[in-house]
Amino acid sequence: MKDKFIKNGIEYVRQGDYYIPNLTVPDETEYQIGKYGSLRRTFLKEHHNWLYSTMLMKGTLLKHLAETDETCHSTLKDMMSKMAEQEAETELKAAYKGNFFKRYL
């Protein structure tokens, strides 16, 4: 009997009396996954397990999590800068109004 054979593009390896498919996850590059990537991973595991499993088997999960983390960080950075601009405008208006009324009192 053969120890290995390929059928339908899948390699099978003999383990005792059974042939088991030799499936491996494709090699992936290293990605830095932060807080938001980890939150996305947890969400996919708990609510979309089929999508999580599919992405894991195709080898696209880590890339997706890294992109999600990067997108969230850039959105947060933009929001913080806009909030800082609005706060600066509010402080500038308040200072201007205060000086304006002091002149006439």
Protein backbone atom coordinates (compact mmCIF):
# COMPACT_ATOMS: atom_id res chain seq x y z
CA MET A 1 0.00 0.00 0.00
CA LYS A 2 1.04 3.56 -0.65
CA ASP A 3 1.99 5.87 2.21
CA LYS A 4 0.99 8.99 0.23
CA PHE A 5 -1.19 9.75 -2.76
CA ILE A 6 -2.84 12.79 -4.32
CA LYS A 7 -6.51 12.84 -5.28
CA ASN A 8 -8.40 15.93 -6.46
CA GLY A 9 -5.39 18.10 -5.66
CA ILE A 10 -5.28 17.01 -2.00
CA GLU A 11 -2.40 14.97 -0.63
CA TYR A 12 -3.38 12.06 1.64
CA VAL A 13 -0.98 10.49 4.13
CA ARG A 14 -1.38 7.03 5.62
CA GLN A 15 -1.71 6.97 9.41
CA GLY A 16 -2.15 3.38 10.56
CA ASP A 17 -5.09 1.96 8.59
CA TYR A 18 -6.47 5.35 7.52
CA TYR A 19 -5.58 7.96 4.94
CA ILE A 20 -5.77 11.48 6.35
CA PRO A 21 -5.65 14.65 4.22
CA ASN A 22 -2.39 16.52 4.66
CA LEU A 23 -3.85 20.01 5.11
CA THR A 24 -1.75 22.95 6.22
CA VAL A 25 -2.40 26.64 6.62
CA PRO A 26 -0.47 28.73 4.09
CA ASP A 27 2.56 30.57 5.46
CA GLU A 28 1.72 34.13 6.36
CA THR A 29 3.86 37.16 6.88
CA GLU A 30 4.13 38.56 10.38
CA TYR A 31 1.60 41.25 11.24
CA GLN A 32 1.34 43.43 14.31
CA ILE A 33 -2.18 43.05 15.66
CA GLY A 34 -3.19 45.51 18.34
CA LYS A 35 -6.25 46.13 20.46
CA TYR A 36 -8.73 46.63 17.62
CA GLY A 37 -7.47 43.63 15.65
CA SER A 38 -7.89 41.48 18.75
CA LEU A 39 -11.40 42.81 19.27
CA ARG A 40 -12.24 41.99 15.65
CA ARG A 41 -10.86 38.46 16.07
CA THR A 42 -13.04 37.91 19.15
CA PHE A 43 -16.10 39.27 17.32
CA LEU A 44 -15.52 36.97 14.34
CA LYS A 45 -15.02 33.94 16.59
CA GLU A 46 -18.19 34.58 18.59
CA HIS A 47 -20.59 35.89 15.93
CA HIS A 48 -19.26 34.80 12.51
CA ASN A 49 -17.44 31.56 13.20
CA TRP A 50 -17.80 30.38 9.59
CA LEU A 51 -16.03 33.53 8.30
CA TYR A 52 -13.32 33.23 10.95
CA SER A 53 -12.67 29.58 10.03
CA THR A 54 -12.67 30.29 6.30
CA MET A 55 -10.23 33.18 6.63
CA LEU A 56 -8.02 31.13 8.94
CA MET A 57 -7.86 28.22 6.47
CA LYS A 58 -7.19 30.51 3.48
CA GLY A 59 -4.47 32.34 5.38
CA THR A 60 -6.08 35.79 5.11
CA LEU A 61 -7.13 36.24 8.75
CA LEU A 62 -3.98 37.95 10.06
CA LYS A 63 -3.88 40.37 7.14
CA HIS A 64 -7.54 41.25 7.72
CA LEU A 65 -6.96 41.82 11.44
CA ALA A 66 -3.92 44.01 10.77
CA GLU A 67 -5.87 46.09 8.23
CA THR A 68 -8.75 46.47 10.68
CA ASP A 69 -6.37 47.58 13.41
CA GLU A 70 -4.66 50.10 11.10
CA THR A 71 -8.01 51.50 9.90
CA CYS A 72 -9.28 51.93 13.45
CA HIS A 73 -6.10 53.69 14.55
CA SER A 74 -6.18 56.11 11.61
CA THR A 75 -9.89 56.84 12.19
CA LEU A 76 -9.24 57.45 15.87
CA LYS A 77 -6.34 59.77 15.04
CA ASP A 78 -8.53 61.77 12.64
CA MET A 79 -11.34 62.02 15.19
CA MET A 80 -8.96 63.21 17.90
CA SER A 81 -7.46 65.91 15.65
CA LYS A 82 -10.95 67.15 14.66
CA MET A 83 -12.02 67.22 18.30
CA ALA A 84 -8.87 69.18 19.20
CA GLU A 85 -9.60 71.71 16.43
CA GLN A 86 -13.18 72.15 17.64
CA GLU A 87 -12.02 72.58 21.21
CA ALA A 88 -9.44 75.17 20.14
CA GLU A 89 -12.13 77.09 18.23
CA THR A 90 -14.45 77.00 21.23
CA GLU A 91 -11.71 78.27 23.54
CA LEU A 92 -10.77 80.98 21.03
CA LYS A 93 -14.39 82.14 20.75
CA ALA A 94 -14.80 82.16 24.52
CA ALA A 95 -11.60 84.18 24.95
CA TYR A 96 -12.65 86.63 22.24
CA LYS A 97 -16.12 87.13 23.76
CA GLY A 98 -14.61 87.67 27.18
CA ASN A 99 -12.22 90.36 25.89
CA PHE A 100 -14.97 91.96 23.85
CA PHE A 101 -17.26 92.42 26.83
CA LYS A 102 -14.46 93.59 29.13
CA ARG A 103 -13.86 96.58 26.85
CA TYR A 104 -17.40 97.85 27.31
CA LEU A 105 -17.79 97.23 31.03
